[in-house]
């Protein structure tokens, strides 16, 4: 397997193909990545081209560290996952068809075994039953922490953290709004139920 000093593939790269919709590409790349110990993130996206890179691409820059402190005295970042991995996939659109191409199939680290080290896959690993449980507990007024504890009791091997629950609840909320603003959604519901809702603004 590759190491930080030797480039090489983790496994056969994701297959290249043609797609009618740009939105179909990343989920397939991410599924392949999850099965092979890495994750992908979007690098760029326009009307005619898009690209995805390894989640470990790039290097830690310390942008949020104080510039008033001499570099030799700054605390080193010990939690960054950036390794400068060169893996990259690009897609171009021609006549409404998106075609993917692997521009670099190399990695500079070993395959990741634990999903907890790949937060990009933690939400994707939630089953439909767990999603339903999250939605139901949220409707009953349970806190994200309580929801997380319930999921972990049912699945001790779960790699989820509190932030994943917040992200999932946000995603569920967007699905519920169906593209409407919160105010428009409330007005729509009030008309549907044929009654006036008392709306509080904070």
N, C-alpha and C. Protein backbone atom coordinates (compact mmCIF):
# COMPACT_ATOMS: atom_id res chain seq x y z
N UNK A 1 0.84 -1.19 0.00
CA UNK A 1 0.00 0.00 0.00
C UNK A 1 0.88 1.25 0.00
N UNK A 2 0.35 2.39 -0.48
CA UNK A 2 1.16 3.60 -0.51
C UNK A 2 1.41 4.15 0.87
N UNK A 3 2.42 4.96 1.00
CA UNK A 3 2.74 5.61 2.25
C UNK A 3 2.92 7.09 1.97
N UNK A 4 3.05 7.94 3.03
CA UNK A 4 3.21 9.37 2.79
C UNK A 4 4.41 9.72 1.92
N UNK A 5 5.32 8.78 1.71
CA UNK A 5 6.49 9.07 0.90
C UNK A 5 6.47 8.33 -0.43
N UNK A 6 5.44 7.52 -0.66
CA UNK A 6 5.37 6.75 -1.90
C UNK A 6 3.95 6.75 -2.43
N UNK A 7 3.76 7.29 -3.63
CA UNK A 7 2.43 7.35 -4.22
C UNK A 7 2.04 6.00 -4.80
N UNK A 8 0.75 5.73 -4.80
CA UNK A 8 0.26 4.50 -5.39
C UNK A 8 -1.23 4.37 -5.19
N UNK A 9 -1.88 3.51 -5.95
CA UNK A 9 -3.34 3.36 -5.81
C UNK A 9 -3.71 2.55 -4.57
N UNK A 10 -4.84 2.92 -3.92
CA UNK A 10 -5.35 2.12 -2.81
C UNK A 10 -6.03 0.87 -3.36
N UNK A 11 -6.64 1.01 -4.51
CA UNK A 11 -7.41 -0.07 -5.12
C UNK A 11 -7.72 0.36 -6.54
N UNK A 12 -8.39 -0.47 -7.33
CA UNK A 12 -8.79 0.00 -8.67
C UNK A 12 -9.59 1.29 -8.56
N UNK A 13 -9.30 2.28 -9.38
CA UNK A 13 -10.00 3.56 -9.29
C UNK A 13 -11.46 3.41 -9.67
N UNK A 14 -12.29 4.36 -9.30
CA UNK A 14 -13.71 4.28 -9.68
C UNK A 14 -13.85 4.25 -11.20
N UNK A 15 -14.79 3.51 -11.72
CA UNK A 15 -14.94 3.42 -13.17
C UNK A 15 -15.41 4.74 -13.76
N UNK A 16 -14.89 5.06 -14.94
CA UNK A 16 -15.36 6.25 -15.64
C UNK A 16 -16.62 5.89 -16.42
N UNK A 17 -17.47 6.89 -16.59
CA UNK A 17 -18.74 6.62 -17.27
C UNK A 17 -19.35 7.92 -17.75
N UNK A 18 -20.55 7.83 -18.30
CA UNK A 18 -21.29 9.00 -18.75
C UNK A 18 -22.58 9.13 -17.94
N UNK A 19 -22.96 10.37 -17.64
CA UNK A 19 -24.11 10.63 -16.79
C UNK A 19 -24.96 11.74 -17.39
N UNK A 20 -26.26 11.63 -17.21
CA UNK A 20 -27.17 12.67 -17.69
C UNK A 20 -27.28 13.81 -16.70
N UNK A 21 -26.93 13.55 -15.43
CA UNK A 21 -27.09 14.56 -14.39
C UNK A 21 -25.80 14.64 -13.56
N UNK A 22 -25.29 15.83 -13.38
CA UNK A 22 -24.07 16.02 -12.58
C UNK A 22 -24.26 15.52 -11.15
N UNK A 23 -25.47 15.69 -10.62
CA UNK A 23 -25.74 15.29 -9.23
C UNK A 23 -25.59 13.80 -9.00
N UNK A 24 -25.59 13.00 -10.06
CA UNK A 24 -25.49 11.54 -9.91
C UNK A 24 -24.05 11.08 -9.69
N UNK A 25 -23.09 11.94 -10.00
CA UNK A 25 -21.70 11.49 -10.03
C UNK A 25 -21.10 11.34 -8.63
N UNK A 26 -21.22 12.37 -7.80
CA UNK A 26 -20.55 12.32 -6.50
C UNK A 26 -21.02 11.15 -5.63
N UNK A 27 -22.33 10.86 -5.54
CA UNK A 27 -22.75 9.72 -4.72
C UNK A 27 -22.10 8.40 -5.15
N UNK A 28 -21.93 8.21 -6.45
CA UNK A 28 -21.30 6.98 -6.94
C UNK A 28 -19.80 6.97 -6.61
N UNK A 29 -19.15 8.12 -6.76
CA UNK A 29 -17.73 8.21 -6.39
C UNK A 29 -17.56 7.97 -4.89
N UNK A 30 -18.47 8.55 -4.10
CA UNK A 30 -18.36 8.41 -2.64
C UNK A 30 -18.61 6.97 -2.21
N UNK A 31 -19.54 6.28 -2.87
CA UNK A 31 -19.81 4.89 -2.53
C UNK A 31 -18.58 4.02 -2.82
N UNK A 32 -17.94 4.26 -3.95
CA UNK A 32 -16.72 3.53 -4.29
C UNK A 32 -15.62 3.85 -3.29
N UNK A 33 -15.52 5.13 -2.92
CA UNK A 33 -14.49 5.54 -1.97
C UNK A 33 -14.71 4.89 -0.60
N UNK A 34 -15.97 4.85 -0.16
CA UNK A 34 -16.28 4.25 1.14
C UNK A 34 -15.88 2.78 1.19
N UNK A 35 -16.09 2.07 0.09
CA UNK A 35 -15.74 0.66 0.05
C UNK A 35 -14.24 0.41 -0.03
N UNK A 36 -13.48 1.47 -0.32
CA UNK A 36 -12.05 1.29 -0.51
C UNK A 36 -11.18 2.14 0.41
N UNK A 37 -11.79 2.67 1.48
CA UNK A 37 -10.99 3.29 2.53
C UNK A 37 -10.58 4.72 2.30
N UNK A 38 -11.38 5.50 1.59
CA UNK A 38 -11.09 6.93 1.46
C UNK A 38 -12.39 7.68 1.23
N UNK A 39 -12.33 8.98 1.07
CA UNK A 39 -13.52 9.79 0.82
C UNK A 39 -13.18 10.86 -0.19
N UNK A 40 -14.19 11.35 -0.88
CA UNK A 40 -13.97 12.42 -1.86
C UNK A 40 -14.75 13.66 -1.45
N UNK A 41 -14.25 14.81 -1.88
CA UNK A 41 -14.93 16.09 -1.67
C UNK A 41 -14.93 16.84 -2.99
N UNK A 42 -15.87 17.77 -3.14
CA UNK A 42 -15.94 18.56 -4.36
C UNK A 42 -14.80 19.57 -4.38
N UNK A 43 -14.17 19.69 -5.54
CA UNK A 43 -13.08 20.65 -5.71
C UNK A 43 -13.55 21.87 -6.49
N UNK A 44 -14.37 21.65 -7.51
CA UNK A 44 -14.95 22.76 -8.27
C UNK A 44 -16.17 22.25 -9.02
N UNK A 45 -17.03 23.18 -9.39
CA UNK A 45 -18.24 22.80 -10.12
C UNK A 45 -18.77 24.01 -10.88
N UNK A 46 -18.90 23.87 -12.20
CA UNK A 46 -19.48 24.91 -13.04
C UNK A 46 -20.52 24.25 -13.95
N UNK A 47 -21.05 25.04 -14.87
CA UNK A 47 -22.07 24.50 -15.78
C UNK A 47 -21.49 23.50 -16.77
N UNK A 48 -20.17 23.54 -16.96
CA UNK A 48 -19.56 22.68 -17.97
C UNK A 48 -18.49 21.74 -17.44
N UNK A 49 -18.04 21.93 -16.22
CA UNK A 49 -17.02 21.05 -15.68
C UNK A 49 -17.12 20.95 -14.17
N UNK A 50 -16.59 19.88 -13.64
CA UNK A 50 -16.58 19.66 -12.20
C UNK A 50 -15.40 18.75 -11.86
N UNK A 51 -15.02 18.76 -10.60
CA UNK A 51 -13.90 17.92 -10.18
C UNK A 51 -14.08 17.53 -8.71
N UNK A 52 -13.56 16.36 -8.37
CA UNK A 52 -13.58 15.86 -7.01
C UNK A 52 -12.19 15.38 -6.65
N UNK A 53 -11.81 15.60 -5.41
CA UNK A 53 -10.48 15.20 -4.95
C UNK A 53 -10.62 14.39 -3.67
N UNK A 54 -9.54 13.78 -3.26
CA UNK A 54 -9.53 13.05 -1.99
C UNK A 54 -9.75 14.02 -0.84
N UNK A 55 -10.43 13.57 0.20
CA UNK A 55 -10.66 14.43 1.36
C UNK A 55 -9.37 14.79 2.07
N UNK A 56 -8.30 14.06 1.78
CA UNK A 56 -7.00 14.35 2.37
C UNK A 56 -6.11 15.18 1.44
N UNK A 57 -6.69 15.71 0.37
CA UNK A 57 -5.90 16.55 -0.53
C UNK A 57 -5.55 17.87 0.14
N UNK A 58 -4.56 18.56 -0.41
CA UNK A 58 -4.16 19.84 0.16
C UNK A 58 -3.29 19.68 1.39
N UNK A 59 -2.91 20.80 1.93
CA UNK A 59 -2.05 20.80 3.12
C UNK A 59 -2.58 21.77 4.14
N UNK A 60 -2.31 21.47 5.40
CA UNK A 60 -2.74 22.34 6.49
C UNK A 60 -1.97 23.66 6.41
N UNK A 61 -2.70 24.79 6.47
CA UNK A 61 -2.06 26.09 6.33
C UNK A 61 -2.04 26.91 7.61
N UNK A 62 -2.85 26.52 8.59
CA UNK A 62 -2.87 27.28 9.85
C UNK A 62 -3.42 28.69 9.67
N UNK A 63 -4.43 28.86 8.80
CA UNK A 63 -4.97 30.18 8.53
C UNK A 63 -5.56 30.84 9.77
N UNK A 64 -6.09 30.02 10.68
CA UNK A 64 -6.75 30.59 11.85
C UNK A 64 -5.81 30.82 13.03
N UNK A 65 -4.54 30.54 12.85
CA UNK A 65 -3.59 30.75 13.93
C UNK A 65 -3.13 32.20 13.93
N UNK A 66 -2.86 32.72 15.10
CA UNK A 66 -2.44 34.12 15.22
C UNK A 66 -1.12 34.34 14.50
N UNK A 67 -1.10 35.41 13.69
CA UNK A 67 0.12 35.74 12.97
C UNK A 67 1.10 36.52 13.84
N UNK A 68 0.64 36.92 15.05
CA UNK A 68 1.53 37.66 15.95
C UNK A 68 2.49 36.75 16.68
N UNK A 69 2.21 35.44 16.65
CA UNK A 69 3.07 34.48 17.33
C UNK A 69 4.08 33.92 16.35
N UNK A 70 5.33 33.91 16.75
CA UNK A 70 6.38 33.41 15.86
C UNK A 70 6.10 31.95 15.50
N UNK A 71 6.38 31.59 14.25
CA UNK A 71 6.04 30.26 13.77
C UNK A 71 6.67 29.16 14.61
N UNK A 72 7.85 29.40 15.15
CA UNK A 72 8.52 28.37 15.96
C UNK A 72 7.81 28.13 17.29
N UNK A 73 6.94 29.10 17.69
CA UNK A 73 6.26 28.97 18.98
C UNK A 73 4.79 28.62 18.82
N UNK A 74 4.32 28.51 17.58
CA UNK A 74 2.92 28.16 17.38
C UNK A 74 2.69 26.68 17.65
N UNK A 75 1.53 26.38 18.20
CA UNK A 75 1.18 24.99 18.45
C UNK A 75 0.94 24.28 17.12
N UNK A 76 1.60 23.16 16.95
CA UNK A 76 1.40 22.40 15.72
C UNK A 76 0.01 21.80 15.69
N UNK A 77 -0.56 21.72 14.51
CA UNK A 77 -1.87 21.09 14.38
C UNK A 77 -1.69 19.57 14.36
N UNK A 78 -2.26 18.91 15.35
CA UNK A 78 -2.07 17.47 15.47
C UNK A 78 -3.27 16.68 14.98
N UNK A 79 -4.34 17.38 14.58
CA UNK A 79 -5.55 16.66 14.20
C UNK A 79 -5.86 16.76 12.71
N UNK A 80 -5.09 17.54 11.96
CA UNK A 80 -5.38 17.68 10.55
C UNK A 80 -5.26 16.34 9.83
N UNK A 81 -6.12 16.13 8.87
CA UNK A 81 -6.07 14.89 8.09
C UNK A 81 -5.48 15.12 6.72
N UNK A 82 -5.01 16.34 6.45
CA UNK A 82 -4.47 16.65 5.14
C UNK A 82 -3.11 15.98 4.94
N UNK A 83 -2.97 15.31 3.79
CA UNK A 83 -1.69 14.67 3.46
C UNK A 83 -1.18 15.09 2.09
N UNK A 84 -1.91 15.98 1.41
CA UNK A 84 -1.51 16.37 0.07
C UNK A 84 -1.80 15.28 -0.96
N UNK A 85 -2.80 14.43 -0.69
CA UNK A 85 -3.12 13.33 -1.60
C UNK A 85 -3.49 13.87 -2.98
N UNK A 86 -2.90 13.32 -4.05
CA UNK A 86 -3.13 13.86 -5.40
C UNK A 86 -4.34 13.28 -6.14
N UNK A 87 -5.06 12.32 -5.54
CA UNK A 87 -6.19 11.69 -6.24
C UNK A 87 -7.16 12.75 -6.74
N UNK A 88 -7.61 12.60 -8.00
CA UNK A 88 -8.51 13.59 -8.58
C UNK A 88 -9.34 12.98 -9.71
N UNK A 89 -10.61 13.32 -9.73
CA UNK A 89 -11.53 12.91 -10.80
C UNK A 89 -12.16 14.18 -11.37
N UNK A 90 -12.24 14.26 -12.67
CA UNK A 90 -12.90 15.41 -13.27
C UNK A 90 -14.03 14.95 -14.18
N UNK A 91 -14.96 15.87 -14.45
CA UNK A 91 -16.07 15.58 -15.35
C UNK A 91 -16.32 16.79 -16.23
N UNK A 92 -16.59 16.54 -17.47
CA UNK A 92 -16.91 17.61 -18.42
C UNK A 92 -18.25 17.33 -19.06
N UNK A 93 -18.96 18.39 -19.40
CA UNK A 93 -20.29 18.26 -19.99
C UNK A 93 -20.25 18.64 -21.47
N UNK A 94 -20.77 17.75 -22.30
CA UNK A 94 -20.85 17.99 -23.73
C UNK A 94 -22.20 17.47 -24.23
N UNK A 95 -22.98 18.34 -24.84
CA UNK A 95 -24.32 17.96 -25.32
C UNK A 95 -25.18 17.36 -24.20
N UNK A 96 -25.10 17.99 -23.03
CA UNK A 96 -25.91 17.61 -21.86
C UNK A 96 -25.52 16.26 -21.27
N UNK A 97 -24.38 15.71 -21.66
CA UNK A 97 -23.89 14.46 -21.10
C UNK A 97 -22.58 14.71 -20.36
N UNK A 98 -22.53 14.26 -19.10
CA UNK A 98 -21.33 14.42 -18.28
C UNK A 98 -20.47 13.17 -18.39
N UNK A 99 -19.19 13.38 -18.67
CA UNK A 99 -18.24 12.27 -18.80
C UNK A 99 -17.14 12.42 -17.76
N UNK A 100 -16.90 11.38 -16.98
CA UNK A 100 -15.87 11.44 -15.94
C UNK A 100 -14.54 10.90 -16.46
N UNK A 101 -13.47 11.38 -15.85
CA UNK A 101 -12.12 10.95 -16.20
C UNK A 101 -11.25 11.00 -14.95
N UNK A 102 -10.48 9.95 -14.72
CA UNK A 102 -9.55 9.93 -13.59
C UNK A 102 -8.27 10.63 -14.01
N UNK A 103 -8.01 11.79 -13.43
CA UNK A 103 -6.79 12.52 -13.79
C UNK A 103 -5.61 12.11 -12.93
N UNK A 104 -5.89 11.57 -11.75
CA UNK A 104 -4.82 11.00 -10.90
C UNK A 104 -5.43 9.93 -10.02
N UNK A 105 -4.96 8.70 -10.15
CA UNK A 105 -5.48 7.57 -9.36
C UNK A 105 -4.59 7.26 -8.17
N UNK A 106 -3.61 8.11 -7.90
CA UNK A 106 -2.64 7.84 -6.83
C UNK A 106 -3.09 8.41 -5.49
N UNK A 107 -2.63 7.75 -4.41
CA UNK A 107 -2.85 8.19 -3.04
C UNK A 107 -1.50 8.17 -2.33
N UNK A 108 -1.41 8.85 -1.19
CA UNK A 108 -0.15 8.81 -0.43
C UNK A 108 -0.39 8.40 1.02
N UNK A 109 -1.39 7.55 1.23
CA UNK A 109 -1.65 7.02 2.57
C UNK A 109 -2.33 5.67 2.44
N UNK A 110 -2.36 4.93 3.53
CA UNK A 110 -3.00 3.62 3.52
C UNK A 110 -4.52 3.75 3.64
N UNK A 111 -5.22 2.76 3.16
CA UNK A 111 -6.68 2.77 3.22
C UNK A 111 -7.15 2.89 4.67
N UNK A 112 -8.20 3.69 4.88
CA UNK A 112 -8.77 3.89 6.20
C UNK A 112 -9.77 2.78 6.49
N UNK A 113 -9.65 2.16 7.64
CA UNK A 113 -10.54 1.05 8.00
C UNK A 113 -11.77 1.54 8.76
N UNK A 114 -11.58 2.47 9.70
CA UNK A 114 -12.67 2.91 10.56
C UNK A 114 -13.42 4.10 9.96
N UNK A 115 -14.75 4.02 9.91
CA UNK A 115 -15.55 5.13 9.41
C UNK A 115 -15.41 6.37 10.28
N UNK A 116 -15.06 6.20 11.57
CA UNK A 116 -14.92 7.35 12.45
C UNK A 116 -13.80 8.26 12.01
N UNK A 117 -12.85 7.73 11.22
CA UNK A 117 -11.75 8.54 10.71
C UNK A 117 -12.14 9.20 9.40
N UNK A 118 -13.31 8.88 8.88
CA UNK A 118 -13.79 9.46 7.63
C UNK A 118 -15.17 10.05 7.86
N UNK A 119 -15.24 11.24 8.44
CA UNK A 119 -16.55 11.83 8.77
C UNK A 119 -17.44 12.02 7.55
N UNK A 120 -16.87 12.06 6.34
CA UNK A 120 -17.68 12.23 5.14
C UNK A 120 -18.62 11.03 4.92
N UNK A 121 -18.30 9.89 5.55
CA UNK A 121 -19.11 8.69 5.36
C UNK A 121 -20.04 8.39 6.52
N UNK A 122 -19.91 9.14 7.61
CA UNK A 122 -20.69 8.79 8.80
C UNK A 122 -22.19 8.94 8.55
N UNK A 123 -22.60 10.04 7.93
CA UNK A 123 -24.02 10.22 7.62
C UNK A 123 -24.47 9.17 6.61
N UNK A 124 -23.61 8.89 5.63
CA UNK A 124 -23.96 7.91 4.61
C UNK A 124 -24.14 6.52 5.16
N UNK A 125 -23.55 6.25 6.33
CA UNK A 125 -23.64 4.92 6.93
C UNK A 125 -24.91 4.72 7.74
N UNK A 126 -25.69 5.78 7.95
CA UNK A 126 -26.93 5.67 8.72
C UNK A 126 -27.97 4.90 7.91
N UNK A 127 -28.59 3.93 8.53
CA UNK A 127 -29.61 3.13 7.85
C UNK A 127 -30.92 3.92 7.78
N UNK A 128 -31.83 3.45 6.94
CA UNK A 128 -33.13 4.09 6.82
C UNK A 128 -33.89 4.02 8.14
N UNK A 129 -33.73 2.92 8.86
CA UNK A 129 -34.41 2.79 10.16
C UNK A 129 -33.87 3.82 11.15
N UNK A 130 -32.54 4.05 11.11
CA UNK A 130 -31.96 5.03 12.02
C UNK A 130 -32.40 6.45 11.65
N UNK A 131 -32.51 6.73 10.35
CA UNK A 131 -32.99 8.04 9.93
C UNK A 131 -34.42 8.28 10.41
N UNK A 132 -35.24 7.24 10.33
CA UNK A 132 -36.62 7.36 10.79
C UNK A 132 -36.67 7.59 12.29
N UNK A 133 -35.79 6.91 13.02
CA UNK A 133 -35.74 7.08 14.47
C UNK A 133 -35.33 8.51 14.83
N UNK A 134 -34.34 9.05 14.09
CA UNK A 134 -33.90 10.42 14.33
C UNK A 134 -35.05 11.39 14.09
N UNK A 135 -35.77 11.21 12.99
CA UNK A 135 -36.89 12.09 12.66
C UNK A 135 -37.99 12.00 13.72
N UNK A 136 -38.32 10.79 14.15
CA UNK A 136 -39.38 10.61 15.14
C UNK A 136 -39.00 11.20 16.49
N UNK A 137 -37.76 10.95 16.93
CA UNK A 137 -37.32 11.49 18.22
C UNK A 137 -37.25 13.01 18.18
N UNK A 138 -36.88 13.56 17.04
CA UNK A 138 -36.83 15.02 16.91
C UNK A 138 -38.24 15.61 17.01
N UNK A 139 -39.21 14.96 16.39
CA UNK A 139 -40.58 15.44 16.45
C UNK A 139 -41.14 15.37 17.86
N UNK A 140 -40.63 14.42 18.64
CA UNK A 140 -41.07 14.29 20.04
C UNK A 140 -40.34 15.24 20.97
N UNK A 141 -39.40 16.02 20.41
CA UNK A 141 -38.73 17.03 21.22
C UNK A 141 -37.44 16.60 21.87
N UNK A 142 -36.90 15.44 21.52
CA UNK A 142 -35.64 14.99 22.10
C UNK A 142 -34.47 15.80 21.56
N UNK A 143 -33.47 16.01 22.37
CA UNK A 143 -32.29 16.78 21.96
C UNK A 143 -31.40 15.93 21.07
N UNK A 144 -30.52 16.55 20.26
CA UNK A 144 -29.58 15.79 19.44
C UNK A 144 -28.71 14.84 20.27
N UNK A 145 -28.35 15.26 21.49
CA UNK A 145 -27.54 14.39 22.35
C UNK A 145 -28.31 13.14 22.75
N UNK A 146 -29.59 13.32 23.10
CA UNK A 146 -30.43 12.18 23.47
C UNK A 146 -30.62 11.25 22.28
N UNK A 147 -30.78 11.83 21.09
CA UNK A 147 -30.94 11.02 19.87
C UNK A 147 -29.68 10.21 19.62
N UNK A 148 -28.52 10.85 19.77
CA UNK A 148 -27.25 10.16 19.57
C UNK A 148 -27.09 9.01 20.55
N UNK A 149 -27.42 9.26 21.82
CA UNK A 149 -27.30 8.22 22.83
C UNK A 149 -28.19 7.02 22.51
N UNK A 150 -29.40 7.30 22.01
CA UNK A 150 -30.33 6.22 21.67
C UNK A 150 -29.78 5.39 20.52
N UNK A 151 -29.20 6.05 19.51
CA UNK A 151 -28.63 5.33 18.38
C UNK A 151 -27.43 4.49 18.80
N UNK A 152 -26.62 5.04 19.68
CA UNK A 152 -25.43 4.32 20.14
C UNK A 152 -25.79 3.13 21.02
N UNK A 153 -26.89 3.23 21.76
CA UNK A 153 -27.33 2.10 22.56
C UNK A 153 -27.79 0.96 21.67
N UNK A 154 -28.45 1.29 20.56
CA UNK A 154 -28.91 0.26 19.64
C UNK A 154 -27.77 -0.29 18.78
N UNK A 155 -26.77 0.55 18.51
CA UNK A 155 -25.64 0.14 17.69
C UNK A 155 -24.34 0.63 18.32
N UNK A 156 -23.76 -0.16 19.25
CA UNK A 156 -22.53 0.25 19.95
C UNK A 156 -21.36 0.52 19.00
N UNK A 157 -21.41 -0.01 17.78
CA UNK A 157 -20.32 0.19 16.82
C UNK A 157 -20.51 1.44 15.97
N UNK A 158 -21.56 2.21 16.26
CA UNK A 158 -21.83 3.41 15.49
C UNK A 158 -20.67 4.40 15.60
N UNK A 159 -20.29 5.01 14.46
CA UNK A 159 -19.20 6.00 14.45
C UNK A 159 -19.74 7.42 14.48
N UNK A 160 -21.04 7.57 14.70
CA UNK A 160 -21.65 8.90 14.68
C UNK A 160 -21.21 9.74 15.87
N UNK A 161 -21.17 11.05 15.64
CA UNK A 161 -20.90 12.01 16.70
C UNK A 161 -22.04 13.02 16.70
N UNK A 162 -22.07 13.89 17.71
CA UNK A 162 -23.18 14.83 17.85
C UNK A 162 -23.35 15.70 16.61
N UNK A 163 -22.25 16.12 16.01
CA UNK A 163 -22.33 16.97 14.82
C UNK A 163 -23.07 16.28 13.68
N UNK A 164 -22.94 14.96 13.59
CA UNK A 164 -23.64 14.22 12.54
C UNK A 164 -25.15 14.31 12.73
N UNK A 165 -25.60 14.27 13.98
CA UNK A 165 -27.03 14.36 14.25
C UNK A 165 -27.55 15.75 13.87
N UNK A 166 -26.79 16.78 14.22
CA UNK A 166 -27.19 18.14 13.84
C UNK A 166 -27.27 18.26 12.32
N UNK A 167 -26.28 17.71 11.61
CA UNK A 167 -26.27 17.78 10.15
C UNK A 167 -27.45 17.02 9.54
N UNK A 168 -27.76 15.86 10.13
CA UNK A 168 -28.88 15.07 9.62
C UNK A 168 -30.20 15.78 9.86
N UNK A 169 -30.36 16.39 11.03
CA UNK A 169 -31.58 17.13 11.32
C UNK A 169 -31.74 18.31 10.37
N UNK A 170 -30.62 18.95 10.05
CA UNK A 170 -30.65 20.07 9.11
C UNK A 170 -31.08 19.58 7.73
N UNK A 171 -30.55 18.42 7.33
CA UNK A 171 -30.92 17.85 6.04
C UNK A 171 -32.40 17.48 6.00
N UNK A 172 -32.89 16.90 7.08
CA UNK A 172 -34.31 16.55 7.15
C UNK A 172 -35.18 17.80 7.10
N UNK A 173 -34.70 18.86 7.72
CA UNK A 173 -35.46 20.12 7.72
C UNK A 173 -35.55 20.68 6.31
N UNK A 174 -34.45 20.62 5.56
CA UNK A 174 -34.46 21.11 4.18
C UNK A 174 -35.42 20.29 3.33
N UNK A 175 -35.45 18.97 3.56
CA UNK A 175 -36.39 18.12 2.82
C UNK A 175 -37.83 18.49 3.14
N UNK A 176 -38.06 18.83 4.41
CA UNK A 176 -39.42 19.18 4.83
C UNK A 176 -39.86 20.50 4.21
N UNK A 177 -38.91 21.45 4.11
CA UNK A 177 -39.24 22.75 3.52
C UNK A 177 -39.49 22.64 2.02
N UNK A 178 -38.87 21.64 1.38
CA UNK A 178 -39.07 21.40 -0.06
C UNK A 178 -38.79 22.65 -0.89
N UNK A 179 -37.72 23.35 -0.54
CA UNK A 179 -37.31 24.51 -1.32
C UNK A 179 -37.96 25.81 -0.89
N UNK A 180 -38.92 25.78 0.03
CA UNK A 180 -39.58 26.99 0.51
C UNK A 180 -38.81 27.60 1.67
N UNK A 181 -39.01 28.88 1.89
CA UNK A 181 -38.46 29.50 3.09
C UNK A 181 -39.30 29.07 4.27
N UNK A 182 -38.77 29.17 5.50
CA UNK A 182 -39.58 28.78 6.67
C UNK A 182 -40.92 29.50 6.74
N UNK A 183 -40.95 30.80 6.39
CA UNK A 183 -42.21 31.56 6.46
C UNK A 183 -43.19 31.05 5.41
N UNK A 184 -42.72 30.82 4.17
CA UNK A 184 -43.59 30.31 3.13
C UNK A 184 -44.12 28.93 3.49
N UNK A 185 -43.27 28.12 4.11
CA UNK A 185 -43.70 26.78 4.50
C UNK A 185 -44.81 26.85 5.55
N UNK A 186 -44.66 27.75 6.53
CA UNK A 186 -45.67 27.89 7.57
C UNK A 186 -47.00 28.38 6.98
N UNK A 187 -46.92 29.32 6.04
CA UNK A 187 -48.13 29.81 5.40
C UNK A 187 -48.81 28.71 4.60
N UNK A 188 -47.99 27.88 3.92
CA UNK A 188 -48.54 26.79 3.14
C UNK A 188 -49.26 25.80 4.04
N UNK A 189 -48.63 25.48 5.18
CA UNK A 189 -49.23 24.54 6.13
C UNK A 189 -50.52 25.10 6.70
N UNK A 190 -50.52 26.41 7.00
CA UNK A 190 -51.73 27.02 7.59
C UNK A 190 -52.89 26.97 6.61
N UNK A 191 -52.61 27.19 5.32
CA UNK A 191 -53.66 27.13 4.31
C UNK A 191 -54.16 25.70 4.15
N UNK A 192 -53.19 24.75 4.17
CA UNK A 192 -53.55 23.34 4.00
C UNK A 192 -54.44 22.85 5.13
N UNK A 193 -54.16 23.32 6.35
CA UNK A 193 -54.92 22.89 7.51
C UNK A 193 -56.16 23.75 7.73
N UNK A 194 -56.30 24.82 6.90
CA UNK A 194 -57.47 25.69 6.97
C UNK A 194 -57.65 26.31 8.35
N UNK A 195 -56.54 26.77 8.89
CA UNK A 195 -56.60 27.47 10.16
C UNK A 195 -55.42 28.41 10.27
N UNK A 196 -55.52 29.35 11.16
CA UNK A 196 -54.46 30.35 11.34
C UNK A 196 -53.47 29.85 12.38
N UNK A 197 -52.20 29.94 12.04
CA UNK A 197 -51.15 29.53 12.97
C UNK A 197 -50.62 30.76 13.68
N UNK A 198 -50.28 30.61 14.92
CA UNK A 198 -49.63 31.67 15.69
C UNK A 198 -48.14 31.51 15.55
N UNK A 199 -47.50 32.44 14.85
CA UNK A 199 -46.08 32.33 14.55
C UNK A 199 -45.30 33.29 15.45
N UNK A 200 -44.29 32.77 16.11
CA UNK A 200 -43.44 33.58 16.96
C UNK A 200 -42.11 33.83 16.26
N UNK A 201 -41.69 35.08 16.26
CA UNK A 201 -40.40 35.44 15.66
C UNK A 201 -39.44 35.81 16.77
N UNK A 202 -38.22 35.27 16.68
CA UNK A 202 -37.23 35.52 17.73
C UNK A 202 -36.17 36.48 17.22
